[in-house]
Amino acid sequence: MDRSFIEKGGTESSRSDESRSHFNIGAAPHDRVPRRVFVAYPYGLFPREDYRRVFEEVGSTFKVDFVFADEQITNVHILQKIGQCILSSQFGIYDISGWNPNVTLELGLAFGLHERAYLALNTSKPHIADSPADLRGIDRIQYSSYHDLKAGLSTVLSSELPPPRVSSRPTVERIQQLVADHFKLRVSDLKKRNNHPSIVLARKVAMYLCKQQTTLSLPEIGQRFGGKHHSTVMYSIRRVDWLQEGDAEFRTLIHDLQKLLP
């Protein structure tokens, strides 16, 4: 046997291994991005703006970032770029309508990387009334219109990535406006160095409600009232507590104001 041939073959094999290492998708640096979903679909089968508008609308509702490989510009090989998109997402949606070879490749990459995938299938397209037999056991979004697609995406996201809860706590500005309106003052009056009794009382009430209804510290509350010292805020809170103990009408006022806050 020709030893030189063996050595040459080994060299070529090593070169081949080195070449393949440049496209090692699994080794590419990546971080899972919260609320990101990868989307693969057959570009030639649907008008780009109409199709992606569905994802924009659903993404806006659920605060989800749908990422398409062609929107990402990188300096790596296309397979590595797609792999990074898949790996950085929470899961992927693969529209197999028309059984596009690019979507097939991307779906195969997802399976090879052990990533979660949902299928989408437009049943209104000719000759593609169903998915291949090997994929029939996988969850999919079956649709015949953009309305159906939007509904299907919403169903998936309601389970996977429901909209983040919006804090129900009122803002300092909301509290200041509510108190100012009740005492027939301007919000700016609550922040000025004005010691008129009606303004002083209103300011104390507003500071008290800010402490009760927000997560701000005493110094932070003081800053929102014209730079008042935190000791002033603390005194105001204690004063309102004391007034409530001895004045049923004042206690009712505080409760009524609290009810008006979200």
Protein backbone atom coordinates (compact mmCIF):
# COMPACT_ATOMS: atom_id res chain seq x y z
CA MET A 1 0.00 0.00 0.00
CA ASP A 2 1.32 3.46 -0.88
CA ARG A 3 2.18 5.15 2.43
CA SER A 4 2.31 8.57 0.79
CA PHE A 5 -1.29 8.11 -0.28
CA ILE A 6 -2.31 7.33 3.29
CA GLU A 7 -0.44 10.32 4.64
CA LYS A 8 -1.93 12.55 1.98
CA GLY A 9 -5.38 11.20 2.72
CA GLY A 10 -4.87 11.90 6.39
CA THR A 11 -3.79 15.44 5.59
CA GLU A 12 -6.79 16.02 3.37
CA SER A 13 -9.04 14.61 6.09
CA SER A 14 -7.52 16.99 8.62
CA ARG A 15 -8.04 19.89 6.27
CA SER A 16 -11.63 18.82 5.78
CA ASP A 17 -12.15 18.68 9.57
CA GLU A 18 -10.62 22.15 9.93
CA SER A 19 -12.86 23.46 7.18
CA ARG A 20 -15.95 21.98 8.80
CA SER A 21 -15.03 23.51 12.15
CA HIS A 22 -15.63 26.97 10.67
CA PHE A 23 -19.30 26.02 10.29
CA ASN A 24 -19.70 24.45 13.70
CA ILE A 25 -23.08 25.96 14.46
CA GLY A 26 -23.31 24.48 17.91
CA ALA A 27 -20.02 26.08 18.92
CA ALA A 28 -21.04 29.53 17.75
CA PRO A 29 -21.42 32.05 20.59
CA HIS A 30 -25.07 32.66 21.45
CA ASP A 31 -27.34 33.78 24.24
CA ARG A 32 -31.00 32.97 24.60
CA VAL A 33 -32.87 36.26 24.11
CA PRO A 34 -36.06 36.66 26.15
CA ARG A 35 -39.26 36.89 24.10
CA ARG A 36 -37.52 36.22 20.79
CA VAL A 37 -38.99 33.74 18.28
CA PHE A 38 -37.29 32.60 15.08
CA VAL A 39 -39.40 32.45 11.91
CA ALA A 40 -38.65 30.55 8.71
CA TYR A 41 -41.03 30.77 5.78
CA PRO A 42 -40.98 30.42 1.96
CA TYR A 43 -40.21 33.96 0.78
CA GLY A 44 -41.47 33.38 -2.76
CA LEU A 45 -44.83 32.01 -1.74
CA PHE A 46 -46.21 35.05 0.11
CA PRO A 47 -45.95 38.83 -0.37
CA ARG A 48 -43.28 39.91 2.11
CA GLU A 49 -45.10 42.94 3.58
CA ASP A 50 -48.46 41.19 3.97
CA TYR A 51 -46.98 38.08 5.57
CA ARG A 52 -44.67 39.87 7.98
CA ARG A 53 -47.33 42.39 8.96
CA VAL A 54 -49.13 39.54 10.71
CA PHE A 55 -46.05 38.87 12.83
CA GLU A 56 -45.55 42.57 13.52
CA GLU A 57 -49.11 42.92 14.83
CA VAL A 58 -48.95 39.79 16.96
CA GLY A 59 -45.47 40.71 18.18
CA SER A 60 -46.71 44.13 19.26
CA THR A 61 -49.56 42.59 21.24
CA PHE A 62 -47.44 39.97 23.00
CA LYS A 63 -44.23 42.04 23.21
CA VAL A 64 -42.41 39.38 21.20
CA ASP A 65 -39.53 39.95 18.78
CA PHE A 66 -39.96 37.75 15.71
CA VAL A 67 -36.58 37.35 13.99
CA PHE A 68 -36.11 36.44 10.32
CA ALA A 69 -32.72 35.24 9.12
CA ASP A 70 -32.62 37.63 6.16
CA GLU A 71 -32.93 40.60 8.52
CA GLN A 72 -29.68 39.70 10.27
CA ILE A 73 -26.44 40.93 8.69
CA THR A 74 -23.36 39.11 9.98
CA ASN A 75 -19.87 38.16 8.80
CA VAL A 76 -20.34 34.42 9.31
CA HIS A 77 -21.47 31.62 7.02
CA ILE A 78 -25.21 31.54 6.28
CA LEU A 79 -25.66 28.23 8.13
CA GLN A 80 -23.90 29.63 11.16
CA LYS A 81 -26.05 32.75 11.04
CA ILE A 82 -29.25 30.72 10.89
CA GLY A 83 -28.00 28.50 13.68
CA GLN A 84 -27.31 31.51 15.86
CA CYS A 85 -30.80 32.87 15.17
CA ILE A 86 -32.33 29.54 16.16
CA LEU A 87 -30.21 29.15 19.28
CA SER A 88 -30.84 32.70 20.46
CA SER A 89 -34.63 32.28 20.25
CA GLN A 90 -37.06 30.72 22.69
CA PHE A 91 -38.42 28.51 19.92
CA GLY A 92 -39.04 28.63 16.19
CA ILE A 93 -41.99 28.75 13.81
CA TYR A 94 -41.37 27.01 10.50
CA ASP A 95 -43.87 27.59 7.71
CA ILE A 96 -43.65 24.45 5.56
CA SER A 97 -46.22 25.66 3.02
CA GLY A 98 -44.97 24.52 -0.39
CA TRP A 99 -42.26 22.48 1.36
CA ASN A 100 -39.59 25.06 0.54
CA PRO A 101 -36.02 23.63 0.60
CA ASN A 102 -34.67 26.54 2.66
CA VAL A 103 -37.35 26.10 5.30
CA THR A 104 -36.68 22.37 5.24
CA LEU A 105 -32.99 23.02 5.92
CA GLU A 106 -33.75 25.43 8.76
CA LEU A 107 -36.22 23.01 10.31
CA GLY A 108 -33.62 20.26 10.07
CA LEU A 109 -31.08 22.50 11.80
CA ALA A 110 -33.54 23.13 14.61
CA PHE A 111 -34.12 19.41 15.08
CA GLY A 112 -30.38 18.74 14.94
CA LEU A 113 -29.77 21.38 17.60
CA HIS A 114 -32.59 19.93 19.74
CA GLU A 115 -34.52 23.18 19.57
CA ARG A 116 -38.29 23.45 19.90
CA ALA A 117 -40.27 24.02 16.71
CA TYR A 118 -43.85 24.75 15.71
CA LEU A 119 -44.97 24.13 12.15
CA ALA A 120 -47.22 26.41 10.11
CA LEU A 121 -49.05 25.21 7.02
CA ASN A 122 -51.23 27.11 4.57
CA THR A 123 -53.78 24.58 3.37
CA SER A 124 -55.12 26.84 0.61
CA LYS A 125 -52.03 26.34 -1.54
CA PRO A 126 -52.42 23.70 -4.30
CA HIS A 127 -50.89 20.25 -3.85
CA ILE A 128 -49.82 20.87 -0.26
CA ALA A 129 -52.97 20.02 1.62
CA ASP A 130 -50.99 18.21 4.31
CA SER A 131 -47.51 18.01 5.77
CA PRO A 132 -45.17 15.07 5.15
CA ALA A 133 -46.02 11.97 7.15
CA ASP A 134 -42.91 12.24 9.35
CA LEU A 135 -44.06 15.64 10.63
CA ARG A 136 -47.73 14.99 11.24
CA GLY A 137 -47.25 14.42 14.95
CA ILE A 138 -45.77 17.88 15.53
CA ASP A 139 -47.93 20.79 16.67
CA ARG A 140 -48.68 23.17 13.85
CA ILE A 141 -50.57 26.30 12.93
CA GLN A 142 -52.93 25.38 10.12
CA TYR A 143 -54.31 28.36 8.23
CA SER A 144 -55.85 29.46 4.96
CA SER A 145 -55.79 33.22 5.49
CA TYR A 146 -53.70 35.82 7.29
CA HIS A 147 -56.50 36.12 9.82
CA ASP A 148 -56.17 32.40 10.59
CA LEU A 149 -52.38 32.74 10.82
CA LYS A 150 -52.72 35.61 13.28
CA ALA A 151 -55.14 33.60 15.40
CA GLY A 152 -52.83 30.58 15.37
CA LEU A 153 -49.79 32.63 16.36
CA SER A 154 -51.78 34.22 19.17
CA THR A 155 -52.78 30.80 20.47
CA VAL A 156 -49.17 29.60 20.51
CA LEU A 157 -47.87 32.74 22.20
CA SER A 158 -50.67 32.77 24.77
CA SER A 159 -49.26 29.46 25.97
CA GLU A 160 -45.54 30.02 25.39
CA LEU A 161 -44.99 33.74 25.94
CA PRO A 162 -48.08 35.45 27.36
CA PRO A 163 -47.92 39.26 27.42
CA PRO A 164 -45.89 40.54 30.37
CA ARG A 165 -48.00 41.92 33.17
CA VAL A 166 -48.17 45.67 33.29
CA SER A 167 -47.66 47.07 36.75
CA SER A 168 -50.93 48.25 38.25
CA ARG A 169 -49.14 50.62 40.62
CA PRO A 170 -49.98 54.28 40.04
CA THR A 171 -47.24 56.74 39.17
CA VAL A 172 -46.18 59.65 41.35
CA GLU A 173 -47.54 61.98 38.67
CA ARG A 174 -50.94 60.27 38.82
CA ILE A 175 -51.06 60.62 42.61
CA GLN A 176 -49.99 64.26 42.54
CA GLN A 177 -52.62 65.10 39.93
CA LEU A 178 -55.36 63.30 41.88
CA VAL A 179 -54.53 65.09 45.13
CA ALA A 180 -54.13 68.46 43.43
CA ASP A 181 -57.52 68.08 41.76
CA HIS A 182 -59.19 67.15 45.05
CA PHE A 183 -57.73 70.13 46.90
CA LYS A 184 -58.29 72.42 43.88
CA LEU A 185 -54.59 73.11 43.48
CA ARG A 186 -52.01 72.83 40.74
CA VAL A 187 -49.46 70.01 40.81
CA SER A 188 -46.73 72.64 40.87
CA ASP A 189 -48.15 73.91 44.20
CA LEU A 190 -47.25 70.57 45.80
CA LYS A 191 -43.62 71.03 44.81
CA LYS A 192 -43.12 74.65 45.81
CA ARG A 193 -41.87 75.94 49.16
CA ASN A 194 -45.32 77.15 50.11
CA ASN A 195 -46.50 76.77 53.72
CA HIS A 196 -50.15 77.69 53.21
CA PRO A 197 -52.12 75.20 55.37
CA SER A 198 -54.19 73.81 52.48
CA ILE A 199 -51.07 73.21 50.39
CA VAL A 200 -49.15 71.70 53.31
CA LEU A 201 -51.98 69.24 54.01
CA ALA A 202 -52.34 68.31 50.34
CA ARG A 203 -48.59 67.74 50.07
CA LYS A 204 -48.64 65.48 53.15
CA VAL A 205 -51.50 63.46 51.70
CA ALA A 206 -49.75 63.09 48.34
CA MET A 207 -46.51 61.96 50.00
CA TYR A 208 -48.43 59.48 52.13
CA LEU A 209 -50.16 57.99 49.08
CA CYS A 210 -46.84 57.79 47.21
CA LYS A 211 -45.39 55.76 50.06
CA GLN A 212 -48.42 53.49 50.20
CA GLN A 213 -48.92 53.01 46.47
CA THR A 214 -45.42 53.05 44.94
CA THR A 215 -42.09 51.34 45.58
CA LEU A 216 -40.15 54.62 45.87
CA SER A 217 -37.94 55.26 48.88
CA LEU A 218 -38.41 58.28 51.14
CA PRO A 219 -35.54 60.23 49.49
CA GLU A 220 -36.96 59.42 46.05
CA ILE A 221 -40.41 60.66 47.05
CA GLY A 222 -38.86 63.83 48.45
CA GLN A 223 -37.11 64.49 45.14
CA ARG A 224 -40.46 64.31 43.33
CA PHE A 225 -41.84 67.03 45.60
CA GLY A 226 -39.35 69.76 44.89
CA GLY A 227 -36.37 68.16 46.58
CA LYS A 228 -37.85 67.76 50.05
CA HIS A 229 -35.63 66.03 52.62
CA HIS A 230 -36.52 62.42 53.43
CA SER A 231 -37.19 63.43 57.06
CA THR A 232 -39.92 65.78 55.79
CA VAL A 233 -41.48 62.89 53.89
CA MET A 234 -41.32 60.67 56.97
CA TYR A 235 -42.96 63.35 59.14
CA SER A 236 -45.73 63.83 56.54
CA ILE A 237 -46.49 60.10 56.48
CA ARG A 238 -46.65 59.92 60.27
CA ARG A 239 -48.83 63.02 60.39
CA VAL A 240 -51.36 61.53 57.96
CA ASP A 241 -51.43 58.29 59.98
CA TRP A 242 -52.07 60.29 63.15
CA LEU A 243 -54.83 62.37 61.54
CA GLN A 244 -56.59 59.22 60.34
CA GLU A 245 -56.64 57.79 63.85
CA GLY A 246 -58.47 60.77 65.31
CA ASP A 247 -60.56 62.02 62.38
CA ALA A 248 -63.05 59.65 60.76
CA GLU A 249 -63.83 62.13 57.98
CA PHE A 250 -60.15 62.49 57.10
CA ARG A 251 -59.73 58.71 57.20
CA THR A 252 -62.60 58.38 54.73
CA LEU A 253 -60.93 60.95 52.47
CA ILE A 254 -57.72 58.91 52.33
CA HIS A 255 -59.63 55.71 51.58
CA ASP A 256 -61.64 57.42 48.83
CA LEU A 257 -58.47 58.74 47.19
CA GLN A 258 -56.88 55.28 47.33
CA LYS A 259 -59.89 53.81 45.58
CA LEU A 260 -59.46 56.26 42.70
CA LEU A 261 -55.95 55.06 42.05
CA PRO A 262 -55.48 52.11 39.62
